[in-house]
Amino acid sequence: MSKKKLLLLGLSLATASMAMFSAGAYAETVSSKEKKMKKQQVMNLLENEDKEDSYLYKALNKDEQDFEGAHKYLKNENFKKNFKVIGEEVIEYQKDNPDATEEELNEVFMEILKKYSMKESDTKIAKSDGDYELEDYDIPKLNEYEEVLFDDNPVNGYHSIAAGVEAYDYTDYIFGSTAWPGGKNDAFRHSYWNITMVMLVNDQWADDWATAHELGAADYSKNNPHVKMDLHNNDEGRYKAAQDGLDFNDHFTDARKSAHELYEGGKLRYLKNWDKYPRDWNKLELTRFTGKTSDYENDPRY
């Protein structure tokens, strides 16, 4: 090949590479702009609801979180393997140090998280104290708003994940392995998840994490009946936890009792025809129901 052809080929490749780089940079810029727009929309929504004092609003209003990047530890397989023992150490420290500040708790938690992210373990990841084991709950998978909250307050984020694990696991035990979205068991799961979050952290945090969970969902829309159902049952769960005065000194068995009372109290809602028309919003009817013990495949564990 002549020097001229080689030069032309080199220029062509360089031009193509620059075009690819420019396209990538443009895509990254657009993605960044979209994220900023979404973030601002969420902040506007919270402002309209007078929630400027919420954990979520304050976290979103920061350029960088207090423990920026902490959520990346959740992607470490050892985190999942050591999930339960991490929680046991955190809870033990919190109970031994009731006057510890939030900053101190988070510093200690991050040390525990770093330690166990490097350590292999055969520990079951299920937080529940039964003989069943969680297999399908994807612990590390948080949406962008949950990641922001976790990075701002990792110990509270961990408790929210632990509450999710417990809710998923226990609901699966009570109702059996059935489809989730829209059913009565899904209503139980969401309400129990929020009851447990209030117990492990507090009402405001539980509200913010549950809100972040919905807002960051791929199919989020205020008109989505699944979102309406989840928000309703989340709210009922938090209200029930407040009514029953659950706090950090209580146990999962206390939270379960509250969840069953709520389920059988006629305040939760599910989507009528959810199994027939899972994607047809016009045919999904948000319906209040009264749960029965006959709905359970297994006896409650208090």
C-alpha atoms as a PDB file:
ATOM      1  CA  MET A   1       0.000   0.000   0.000  1.00  0.00           C
ATOM      2  CA  SER A   2       1.404   3.436  -0.949  1.00  0.00           C
ATOM      3  CA  LYS A   3       2.287   6.038   1.671  1.00  0.00           C
ATOM      4  CA  LYS A   4      -0.548   8.225   0.347  1.00  0.00           C
ATOM      5  CA  LYS A   5      -3.146   5.426   0.811  1.00  0.00           C
ATOM      6  CA  LEU A   6      -1.780   4.676   4.265  1.00  0.00           C
ATOM      7  CA  LEU A   7      -2.076   8.351   5.176  1.00  0.00           C
ATOM      8  CA  LEU A   8      -5.664   8.526   3.867  1.00  0.00           C
ATOM      9  CA  LEU A   9      -6.563   5.334   5.745  1.00  0.00           C
ATOM     10  CA  GLY A  10      -5.069   6.741   8.927  1.00  0.00           C
ATOM     11  CA  LEU A  11      -7.027   9.991   8.530  1.00  0.00           C
ATOM     12  CA  SER A  12     -10.243   8.031   7.924  1.00  0.00           C
ATOM     13  CA  LEU A  13      -9.739   5.933  11.038  1.00  0.00           C
ATOM     14  CA  ALA A  14      -8.909   9.008  13.100  1.00  0.00           C
ATOM     15  CA  THR A  15     -12.010  10.799  11.809  1.00  0.00           C
ATOM     16  CA  ALA A  16     -14.186   7.768  12.589  1.00  0.00           C
ATOM     17  CA  SER A  17     -12.692   7.509  16.079  1.00  0.00           C
ATOM     18  CA  MET A  18     -13.324  11.200  16.724  1.00  0.00           C
ATOM     19  CA  ALA A  19     -16.915  10.814  15.516  1.00  0.00           C
ATOM     20  CA  MET A  20     -17.452   7.842  17.823  1.00  0.00           C
ATOM     21  CA  PHE A  21     -15.915   9.753  20.742  1.00  0.00           C
ATOM     22  CA  SER A  22     -18.089  12.796  20.003  1.00  0.00           C
ATOM     23  CA  ALA A  23     -21.211  10.632  19.815  1.00  0.00           C
ATOM     24  CA  GLY A  24     -20.301   8.990  23.101  1.00  0.00           C
ATOM     25  CA  ALA A  25     -19.651  12.343  24.750  1.00  0.00           C
ATOM     26  CA  TYR A  26     -22.943  13.690  23.384  1.00  0.00           C
ATOM     27  CA  ALA A  27     -24.832  10.649  24.665  1.00  0.00           C
ATOM     28  CA  GLU A  28     -23.182  11.063  28.062  1.00  0.00           C
ATOM     29  CA  THR A  29     -24.096  14.764  28.100  1.00  0.00           C
ATOM     30  CA  VAL A  30     -27.696  14.020  27.158  1.00  0.00           C
ATOM     31  CA  SER A  31     -27.870  11.324  29.840  1.00  0.00           C
ATOM     32  CA  SER A  32     -26.443  13.751  32.386  1.00  0.00           C
ATOM     33  CA  LYS A  33     -28.985  16.396  31.402  1.00  0.00           C
ATOM     34  CA  GLU A  34     -31.821  13.906  31.629  1.00  0.00           C
ATOM     35  CA  LYS A  35     -30.709  12.879  35.109  1.00  0.00           C
ATOM     36  CA  LYS A  36     -30.541  16.505  36.219  1.00  0.00           C
ATOM     37  CA  MET A  37     -34.021  17.135  34.821  1.00  0.00           C
ATOM     38  CA  LYS A  38     -35.426  14.065  36.581  1.00  0.00           C
ATOM     39  CA  LYS A  39     -33.728  15.073  39.801  1.00  0.00           C
ATOM     40  CA  GLN A  40     -35.188  18.575  39.580  1.00  0.00           C
ATOM     41  CA  GLN A  41     -38.649  17.157  38.859  1.00  0.00           C
ATOM     42  CA  VAL A  42     -38.442  15.022  41.994  1.00  0.00           C
ATOM     43  CA  MET A  43     -37.286  18.005  44.048  1.00  0.00           C
ATOM     44  CA  ASN A  44     -40.160  20.090  42.669  1.00  0.00           C
ATOM     45  CA  LEU A  45     -42.574  17.317  43.599  1.00  0.00           C
ATOM     46  CA  LEU A  46     -41.204  17.236  47.151  1.00  0.00           C
ATOM     47  CA  GLU A  47     -41.364  21.034  47.387  1.00  0.00           C
ATOM     48  CA  ASN A  48     -45.024  20.971  46.341  1.00  0.00           C
ATOM     49  CA  GLU A  49     -45.652  18.541  49.203  1.00  0.00           C
ATOM     50  CA  ASP A  50     -43.706  20.754  51.666  1.00  0.00           C
ATOM     51  CA  LYS A  51     -41.065  18.076  52.155  1.00  0.00           C
ATOM     52  CA  GLU A  52     -37.947  20.250  52.039  1.00  0.00           C
ATOM     53  CA  ASP A  53     -36.984  18.835  55.449  1.00  0.00           C
ATOM     54  CA  SER A  54     -37.159  15.231  54.257  1.00  0.00           C
ATOM     55  CA  TYR A  55     -34.086  13.015  53.993  1.00  0.00           C
ATOM     56  CA  LEU A  56     -34.668  12.605  50.263  1.00  0.00           C
ATOM     57  CA  TYR A  57     -34.923  16.320  49.477  1.00  0.00           C
ATOM     58  CA  LYS A  58     -31.850  17.177  51.534  1.00  0.00           C
ATOM     59  CA  ALA A  59     -29.836  14.399  49.896  1.00  0.00           C
ATOM     60  CA  LEU A  60     -30.874  15.437  46.379  1.00  0.00           C
ATOM     61  CA  ASN A  61     -30.039  19.042  47.186  1.00  0.00           C
ATOM     62  CA  LYS A  62     -26.379  18.161  47.821  1.00  0.00           C
ATOM     63  CA  ASP A  63     -23.681  18.102  45.147  1.00  0.00           C
ATOM     64  CA  GLU A  64     -22.104  15.107  46.896  1.00  0.00           C
ATOM     65  CA  GLN A  65     -23.363  12.766  49.604  1.00  0.00           C
ATOM     66  CA  ASP A  66     -21.676  12.330  52.982  1.00  0.00           C
ATOM     67  CA  PHE A  67     -20.560   8.793  52.070  1.00  0.00           C
ATOM     68  CA  GLU A  68     -20.381   9.157  48.302  1.00  0.00           C
ATOM     69  CA  GLY A  69     -20.083   5.820  46.520  1.00  0.00           C
ATOM     70  CA  ALA A  70     -21.059   3.717  49.569  1.00  0.00           C
ATOM     71  CA  HIS A  71     -23.747   1.923  47.533  1.00  0.00           C
ATOM     72  CA  LYS A  72     -21.023   0.334  45.383  1.00  0.00           C
ATOM     73  CA  TYR A  73     -20.189  -2.009  48.266  1.00  0.00           C
ATOM     74  CA  LEU A  74     -23.626  -3.565  47.770  1.00  0.00           C
ATOM     75  CA  LYS A  75     -22.504  -4.892  44.398  1.00  0.00           C
ATOM     76  CA  ASN A  76     -19.793  -6.946  46.090  1.00  0.00           C
ATOM     77  CA  GLU A  77     -20.863 -10.592  46.293  1.00  0.00           C
ATOM     78  CA  ASN A  78     -19.389 -10.812  49.802  1.00  0.00           C
ATOM     79  CA  PHE A  79     -21.870  -8.186  50.969  1.00  0.00           C
ATOM     80  CA  LYS A  80     -24.691 -10.502  50.020  1.00  0.00           C
ATOM     81  CA  LYS A  81     -22.986 -13.503  51.617  1.00  0.00           C
ATOM     82  CA  ASN A  82     -22.346 -11.593  54.847  1.00  0.00           C
ATOM     83  CA  PHE A  83     -25.633  -9.695  54.798  1.00  0.00           C
ATOM     84  CA  LYS A  84     -27.037 -11.118  58.022  1.00  0.00           C
ATOM     85  CA  VAL A  85     -23.859 -10.914  60.103  1.00  0.00           C
ATOM     86  CA  ILE A  86     -23.344  -7.275  59.004  1.00  0.00           C
ATOM     87  CA  GLY A  87     -26.803  -6.497  60.358  1.00  0.00           C
ATOM     88  CA  GLU A  88     -26.139  -8.337  63.611  1.00  0.00           C
ATOM     89  CA  GLU A  89     -22.995  -6.281  64.245  1.00  0.00           C
ATOM     90  CA  VAL A  90     -24.723  -3.011  63.373  1.00  0.00           C
ATOM     91  CA  ILE A  91     -27.725  -3.704  65.599  1.00  0.00           C
ATOM     92  CA  GLU A  92     -25.501  -4.836  68.473  1.00  0.00           C
ATOM     93  CA  TYR A  93     -23.497  -1.606  68.243  1.00  0.00           C
ATOM     94  CA  GLN A  94     -26.653   0.522  68.089  1.00  0.00           C
ATOM     95  CA  LYS A  95     -28.144  -1.178  71.138  1.00  0.00           C
ATOM     96  CA  ASP A  96     -24.873  -0.924  73.079  1.00  0.00           C
ATOM     97  CA  ASN A  97     -24.514   2.748  72.117  1.00  0.00           C
ATOM     98  CA  PRO A  98     -28.026   4.263  72.219  1.00  0.00           C
ATOM     99  CA  ASP A  99     -26.616   7.799  72.410  1.00  0.00           C
ATOM    100  CA  ALA A 100     -24.396   7.441  69.336  1.00  0.00           C
ATOM    101  CA  THR A 101     -24.900  10.192  66.782  1.00  0.00           C
ATOM    102  CA  GLU A 102     -26.052   9.443  63.245  1.00  0.00           C
ATOM    103  CA  GLU A 103     -22.576  10.320  61.980  1.00  0.00           C
ATOM    104  CA  GLU A 104     -20.947   7.918  64.453  1.00  0.00           C
ATOM    105  CA  LEU A 105     -23.337   5.120  63.484  1.00  0.00           C
ATOM    106  CA  ASN A 106     -22.554   5.621  59.822  1.00  0.00           C
ATOM    107  CA  GLU A 107     -18.788   5.684  60.426  1.00  0.00           C
ATOM    108  CA  VAL A 108     -19.003   2.402  62.359  1.00  0.00           C
ATOM    109  CA  PHE A 109     -21.297   0.879  59.749  1.00  0.00           C
ATOM    110  CA  MET A 110     -18.911   1.764  56.912  1.00  0.00           C
ATOM    111  CA  GLU A 111     -16.054   0.070  58.776  1.00  0.00           C
ATOM    112  CA  ILE A 112     -18.197  -3.048  59.210  1.00  0.00           C
ATOM    113  CA  LEU A 113     -19.242  -2.898  55.552  1.00  0.00           C
ATOM    114  CA  LYS A 114     -15.641  -2.608  54.356  1.00  0.00           C
ATOM    115  CA  LYS A 115     -14.529  -5.437  56.622  1.00  0.00           C
ATOM    116  CA  TYR A 116     -17.135  -7.902  55.415  1.00  0.00           C
ATOM    117  CA  SER A 117     -16.895  -6.897  51.768  1.00  0.00           C
ATOM    118  CA  MET A 118     -13.469  -8.571  51.882  1.00  0.00           C
ATOM    119  CA  LYS A 119     -14.580 -11.633  53.838  1.00  0.00           C
ATOM    120  CA  GLU A 120     -16.119 -14.853  52.558  1.00  0.00           C
ATOM    121  CA  SER A 121     -19.023 -16.353  54.497  1.00  0.00           C
ATOM    122  CA  ASP A 122     -21.542 -19.188  54.316  1.00  0.00           C
ATOM    123  CA  THR A 123     -24.108 -17.152  56.262  1.00  0.00           C
ATOM    124  CA  LYS A 124     -27.676 -17.343  54.961  1.00  0.00           C
ATOM    125  CA  ILE A 125     -28.685 -13.968  53.614  1.00  0.00           C
ATOM    126  CA  ALA A 126     -32.268 -14.185  54.855  1.00  0.00           C
ATOM    127  CA  LYS A 127     -32.862 -11.835  57.785  1.00  0.00           C
ATOM    128  CA  SER A 128     -35.866 -13.813  59.010  1.00  0.00           C
ATOM    129  CA  ASP A 129     -35.372 -16.236  61.870  1.00  0.00           C
ATOM    130  CA  GLY A 130     -37.286 -19.108  60.288  1.00  0.00           C
ATOM    131  CA  ASP A 131     -35.813 -22.147  58.534  1.00  0.00           C
ATOM    132  CA  TYR A 132     -36.565 -20.821  55.052  1.00  0.00           C
ATOM    133  CA  GLU A 133     -33.947 -19.060  52.955  1.00  0.00           C
ATOM    134  CA  LEU A 134     -34.205 -16.116  50.613  1.00  0.00           C
ATOM    135  CA  GLU A 135     -32.960 -16.808  47.090  1.00  0.00           C
ATOM    136  CA  ASP A 136     -34.453 -14.290  44.668  1.00  0.00           C
ATOM    137  CA  TYR A 137     -34.268 -10.892  46.368  1.00  0.00           C
ATOM    138  CA  ASP A 138     -31.721  -8.796  44.486  1.00  0.00           C
ATOM    139  CA  ILE A 139     -30.073  -6.979  47.399  1.00  0.00           C
ATOM    140  CA  PRO A 140     -27.556  -4.821  45.485  1.00  0.00           C
ATOM    141  CA  LYS A 141     -30.052  -3.470  42.950  1.00  0.00           C
ATOM    142  CA  LEU A 142     -31.040   0.045  43.996  1.00  0.00           C
ATOM    143  CA  ASN A 143     -32.414   2.770  41.752  1.00  0.00           C
ATOM    144  CA  GLU A 144     -30.688   6.152  41.450  1.00  0.00           C
ATOM    145  CA  TYR A 145     -32.682   7.810  44.245  1.00  0.00           C
ATOM    146  CA  GLU A 146     -32.182   4.912  46.642  1.00  0.00           C
ATOM    147  CA  GLU A 147     -28.454   5.103  45.878  1.00  0.00           C
ATOM    148  CA  VAL A 148     -28.451   8.791  46.785  1.00  0.00           C
ATOM    149  CA  LEU A 149     -30.180   8.067  50.092  1.00  0.00           C
ATOM    150  CA  PHE A 150     -27.859   5.145  50.834  1.00  0.00           C
ATOM    151  CA  ASP A 151     -24.764   7.261  50.149  1.00  0.00           C
ATOM    152  CA  ASP A 152     -26.092   9.985  52.426  1.00  0.00           C
ATOM    153  CA  ASN A 153     -26.999   7.646  55.286  1.00  0.00           C
ATOM    154  CA  PRO A 154     -25.654   4.096  54.746  1.00  0.00           C
ATOM    155  CA  VAL A 155     -26.792   2.607  58.061  1.00  0.00           C
ATOM    156  CA  ASN A 156     -30.390   3.688  57.457  1.00  0.00           C
ATOM    157  CA  GLY A 157     -30.073   2.430  53.900  1.00  0.00           C
ATOM    158  CA  TYR A 158     -28.931  -0.949  55.178  1.00  0.00           C
ATOM    159  CA  HIS A 159     -31.919  -1.179  57.528  1.00  0.00           C
ATOM    160  CA  SER A 160     -34.240  -0.364  54.610  1.00  0.00           C
ATOM    161  CA  ILE A 161     -32.712  -3.180  52.576  1.00  0.00           C
ATOM    162  CA  ALA A 162     -32.935  -5.513  55.582  1.00  0.00           C
ATOM    163  CA  ALA A 163     -36.608  -4.594  55.933  1.00  0.00           C
ATOM    164  CA  GLY A 164     -37.086  -5.399  52.246  1.00  0.00           C
ATOM    165  CA  VAL A 165     -35.376  -8.759  52.654  1.00  0.00           C
ATOM    166  CA  GLU A 166     -37.524  -9.610  55.665  1.00  0.00           C
ATOM    167  CA  ALA A 167     -40.729  -8.508  53.910  1.00  0.00           C
ATOM    168  CA  TYR A 168     -39.951 -10.455  50.737  1.00  0.00           C
ATOM    169  CA  ASP A 169     -38.855 -13.538  52.633  1.00  0.00           C
ATOM    170  CA  TYR A 170     -41.687 -13.640  55.172  1.00  0.00           C
ATOM    171  CA  THR A 171     -44.388 -12.894  52.577  1.00  0.00           C
ATOM    172  CA  ASP A 172     -43.042 -15.691  50.411  1.00  0.00           C
ATOM    173  CA  TYR A 173     -43.284 -18.020  53.406  1.00  0.00           C
ATOM    174  CA  ILE A 174     -46.810 -16.939  54.403  1.00  0.00           C
ATOM    175  CA  PHE A 175     -48.414 -16.938  50.953  1.00  0.00           C
ATOM    176  CA  GLY A 176     -46.172 -19.349  49.089  1.00  0.00           C
ATOM    177  CA  SER A 177     -44.222 -18.633  45.924  1.00  0.00           C
ATOM    178  CA  THR A 178     -46.846 -16.894  43.808  1.00  0.00           C
ATOM    179  CA  ALA A 179     -46.771 -13.979  41.373  1.00  0.00           C
ATOM    180  CA  TRP A 180     -46.330 -10.601  43.076  1.00  0.00           C
ATOM    181  CA  PRO A 181     -47.544  -7.519  41.207  1.00  0.00           C
ATOM    182  CA  GLY A 182     -50.998  -6.366  42.198  1.00  0.00           C
ATOM    183  CA  GLY A 183     -52.129  -9.262  44.372  1.00  0.00           C
ATOM    184  CA  LYS A 184     -53.137  -9.363  48.035  1.00  0.00           C
ATOM    185  CA  ASN A 185     -49.787 -10.875  48.974  1.00  0.00           C
ATOM    186  CA  ASP A 186     -48.098  -7.883  47.317  1.00  0.00           C
ATOM    187  CA  ALA A 187     -50.250  -5.570  49.429  1.00  0.00           C
ATOM    188  CA  PHE A 188     -49.118  -7.449  52.542  1.00  0.00           C
ATOM    189  CA  ARG A 189     -45.470  -7.286  51.482  1.00  0.00           C
ATOM    190  CA  HIS A 190     -45.443  -3.530  50.903  1.00  0.00           C
ATOM    191  CA  SER A 191     -47.255  -2.715  54.131  1.00  0.00           C
ATOM    192  CA  TYR A 192     -45.019  -5.063  56.133  1.00  0.00           C
ATOM    193  CA  TRP A 193     -41.896  -3.623  54.509  1.00  0.00           C
ATOM    194  CA  ASN A 194     -42.880  -0.122  55.658  1.00  0.00           C
ATOM    195  CA  ILE A 195     -43.848  -1.313  59.133  1.00  0.00           C
ATOM    196  CA  THR A 196     -40.389  -2.835  59.496  1.00  0.00           C
ATOM    197  CA  MET A 197     -38.594   0.240  58.135  1.00  0.00           C
ATOM    198  CA  VAL A 198     -40.363   2.422  60.699  1.00  0.00           C
ATOM    199  CA  MET A 199     -39.363  -0.026  63.424  1.00  0.00           C
ATOM    200  CA  LEU A 200     -35.697  -0.156  62.377  1.00  0.00           C
ATOM    201  CA  VAL A 201     -35.280   3.562  61.537  1.00  0.00           C
ATOM    202  CA  ASN A 202     -38.190   6.010  61.757  1.00  0.00           C
ATOM    203  CA  ASP A 203     -41.344   7.113  59.947  1.00  0.00           C
ATOM    204  CA  GLN A 204     -39.798   9.920  57.892  1.00  0.00           C
ATOM    205  CA  TRP A 205     -36.960   7.780  56.608  1.00  0.00           C
ATOM    206  CA  ALA A 206     -39.357   4.948  55.743  1.00  0.00           C
ATOM    207  CA  ASP A 207     -41.540   7.406  53.823  1.00  0.00           C
ATOM    208  CA  ASP A 208     -38.543   8.784  51.913  1.00  0.00           C
ATOM    209  CA  TRP A 209     -37.022   5.409  51.036  1.00  0.00           C
ATOM    210  CA  ALA A 210     -40.383   3.998  49.894  1.00  0.00           C
ATOM    211  CA  THR A 211     -40.992   7.166  47.843  1.00  0.00           C
ATOM    212  CA  ALA A 212     -37.523   6.924  46.280  1.00  0.00           C
ATOM    213  CA  HIS A 213     -38.210   3.278  45.462  1.00  0.00           C
ATOM    214  CA  GLU A 214     -41.348   4.198  43.504  1.00  0.00           C
ATOM    215  CA  LEU A 215     -39.989   7.346  41.833  1.00  0.00           C
ATOM    216  CA  GLY A 216     -36.951   5.486  40.543  1.00  0.00           C
ATOM    217  CA  ALA A 217     -38.895   2.569  39.093  1.00  0.00           C
ATOM    218  CA  ALA A 218     -38.689   2.153  35.312  1.00  0.00           C
ATOM    219  CA  ASP A 219     -42.494   2.119  34.989  1.00  0.00           C
ATOM    220  CA  TYR A 220     -43.141   4.989  37.405  1.00  0.00           C
ATOM    221  CA  SER A 221     -46.129   7.150  36.587  1.00  0.00           C
ATOM    222  CA  LYS A 222     -48.572   8.806  38.938  1.00  0.00           C
ATOM    223  CA  ASN A 223     -51.310   7.214  36.815  1.00  0.00           C
ATOM    224  CA  ASN A 224     -49.887   3.710  37.097  1.00  0.00           C
ATOM    225  CA  PRO A 225     -52.349   1.684  39.233  1.00  0.00           C
ATOM    226  CA  HIS A 226     -49.487  -0.441  40.562  1.00  0.00           C
ATOM    227  CA  VAL A 227     -47.790   2.718  41.857  1.00  0.00           C
ATOM    228  CA  LYS A 228     -51.047   3.933  43.420  1.00  0.00           C
ATOM    229  CA  MET A 229     -51.493   0.568  45.112  1.00  0.00           C
ATOM    230  CA  ASP A 230     -47.941   0.485  46.464  1.00  0.00           C
ATOM    231  CA  LEU A 231     -48.056   4.056  47.776  1.00  0.00           C
ATOM    232  CA  HIS A 232     -51.358   3.385  49.536  1.00  0.00           C
ATOM    233  CA  ASN A 233     -50.165   0.190  51.222  1.00  0.00           C
ATOM    234  CA  ASN A 234     -46.802   1.752  52.107  1.00  0.00           C
ATOM    235  CA  ASP A 235     -48.640   4.582  53.833  1.00  0.00           C
ATOM    236  CA  GLU A 236     -50.959   2.222  55.715  1.00  0.00           C
ATOM    237  CA  GLY A 237     -47.954   0.233  56.907  1.00  0.00           C
ATOM    238  CA  ARG A 238     -46.192   3.306  58.290  1.00  0.00           C
ATOM    239  CA  TYR A 239     -49.382   4.486  60.004  1.00  0.00           C
ATOM    240  CA  LYS A 240     -49.874   1.060  61.608  1.00  0.00           C
ATOM    241  CA  ALA A 241     -46.275   1.028  62.891  1.00  0.00           C
ATOM    242  CA  ALA A 242     -46.805   4.471  64.425  1.00  0.00           C
ATOM    243  CA  GLN A 243     -50.095   3.380  65.985  1.00  0.00           C
ATOM    244  CA  ASP A 244     -48.436   0.349  67.555  1.00  0.00           C
ATOM    245  CA  GLY A 245     -45.442   2.380  68.731  1.00  0.00           C
ATOM    246  CA  LEU A 246     -42.861   0.108  67.102  1.00  0.00           C
ATOM    247  CA  ASP A 247     -39.235   1.152  67.515  1.00  0.00           C
ATOM    248  CA  PHE A 248     -35.689  -0.180  67.385  1.00  0.00           C
ATOM    249  CA  ASN A 249     -36.115  -2.153  70.613  1.00  0.00           C
ATOM    250  CA  ASP A 250     -38.859  -4.284  69.069  1.00  0.00           C
ATOM    251  CA  HIS A 251     -38.381  -7.479  67.072  1.00  0.00           C
ATOM    252  CA  PHE A 252     -39.490  -8.714  63.667  1.00  0.00           C
ATOM    253  CA  THR A 253     -42.118 -10.823  65.421  1.00  0.00           C
ATOM    254  CA  ASP A 254     -43.723  -7.602  66.725  1.00  0.00           C
ATOM    255  CA  ALA A 255     -43.712  -6.130  63.227  1.00  0.00           C
ATOM    256  CA  ARG A 256     -45.237  -9.318  61.788  1.00  0.00           C
ATOM    257  CA  LYS A 257     -48.072  -9.193  64.304  1.00  0.00           C
ATOM    258  CA  SER A 258     -48.807  -5.599  63.268  1.00  0.00           C
ATOM    259  CA  ALA A 259     -48.694  -6.592  59.587  1.00  0.00           C
ATOM    260  CA  HIS A 260     -51.194  -9.411  60.039  1.00  0.00           C
ATOM    261  CA  GLU A 261     -53.541  -7.157  61.990  1.00  0.00           C
ATOM    262  CA  LEU A 262     -53.358  -4.608  59.183  1.00  0.00           C
ATOM    263  CA  TYR A 263     -53.866  -7.255  56.478  1.00  0.00           C
ATOM    264  CA  GLU A 264     -56.989  -8.549  58.205  1.00  0.00           C
ATOM    265  CA  GLY A 265     -58.217  -5.048  59.116  1.00  0.00           C
ATOM    266  CA  GLY A 266     -59.695  -4.073  55.741  1.00  0.00           C
ATOM    267  CA  LYS A 267     -57.467  -1.073  54.995  1.00  0.00           C
ATOM    268  CA  LEU A 268     -55.132  -2.459  52.356  1.00  0.00           C
ATOM    269  CA  ARG A 269     -55.828  -2.414  48.619  1.00  0.00           C
ATOM    270  CA  TYR A 270     -55.025  -4.683  45.710  1.00  0.00           C
ATOM    271  CA  LEU A 271     -55.645  -4.569  41.950  1.00  0.00           C
ATOM    272  CA  LYS A 272     -58.730  -6.446  40.918  1.00  0.00           C
ATOM    273  CA  ASN A 273     -58.035  -8.549  37.785  1.00  0.00           C
ATOM    274  CA  TRP A 274     -54.288  -7.997  38.230  1.00  0.00           C
ATOM    275  CA  ASP A 275     -53.550 -11.561  37.100  1.00  0.00           C
ATOM    276  CA  LYS A 276     -55.733 -11.300  33.967  1.00  0.00           C
ATOM    277  CA  TYR A 277     -54.696  -7.840  32.778  1.00  0.00           C
ATOM    278  CA  PRO A 278     -51.242  -7.115  34.243  1.00  0.00           C
ATOM    279  CA  ARG A 279     -50.438  -4.405  31.680  1.00  0.00           C
ATOM    280  CA  ASP A 280     -53.841  -2.952  30.876  1.00  0.00           C
ATOM    281  CA  TRP A 281     -54.185  -0.069  33.322  1.00  0.00           C
ATOM    282  CA  ASN A 282     -57.784   0.622  32.290  1.00  0.00           C
ATOM    283  CA  LYS A 283     -58.884  -2.812  33.510  1.00  0.00           C
ATOM    284  CA  LEU A 284     -57.044  -2.714  36.837  1.00  0.00           C
ATOM    285  CA  GLU A 285     -59.314  -1.613  39.666  1.00  0.00           C
ATOM    286  CA  LEU A 286     -57.738  -0.515  42.937  1.00  0.00           C
ATOM    287  CA  THR A 287     -59.906  -2.320  45.467  1.00  0.00           C
ATOM    288  CA  ARG A 288     -60.018  -2.331  49.250  1.00  0.00           C
ATOM    289  CA  PHE A 289     -60.155  -5.808  50.758  1.00  0.00           C
ATOM    290  CA  THR A 290     -60.221  -7.614  54.100  1.00  0.00           C
ATOM    291  CA  GLY A 291     -57.622 -10.356  54.294  1.00  0.00           C
ATOM    292  CA  LYS A 292     -58.362 -13.707  55.915  1.00  0.00           C
ATOM    293  CA  THR A 293     -56.183 -16.282  57.650  1.00  0.00           C
ATOM    294  CA  SER A 294     -57.373 -18.741  55.008  1.00  0.00           C
ATOM    295  CA  ASP A 295     -55.324 -16.712  52.484  1.00  0.00           C
ATOM    296  CA  TYR A 296     -52.129 -18.014  54.129  1.00  0.00           C
ATOM    297  CA  GLU A 297     -50.358 -21.112  52.930  1.00  0.00           C
ATOM    298  CA  ASN A 298     -48.417 -21.349  56.199  1.00  0.00           C
ATOM    299  CA  ASP A 299     -49.181 -20.285  59.765  1.00  0.00           C
ATOM    300  CA  PRO A 300     -47.905 -16.854  60.849  1.00  0.00           C
ATOM    301  CA  ARG A 301     -44.678 -16.826  62.861  1.00  0.00           C
ATOM    302  CA  TYR A 302     -44.852 -14.397  65.756  1.00  0.00           C
END
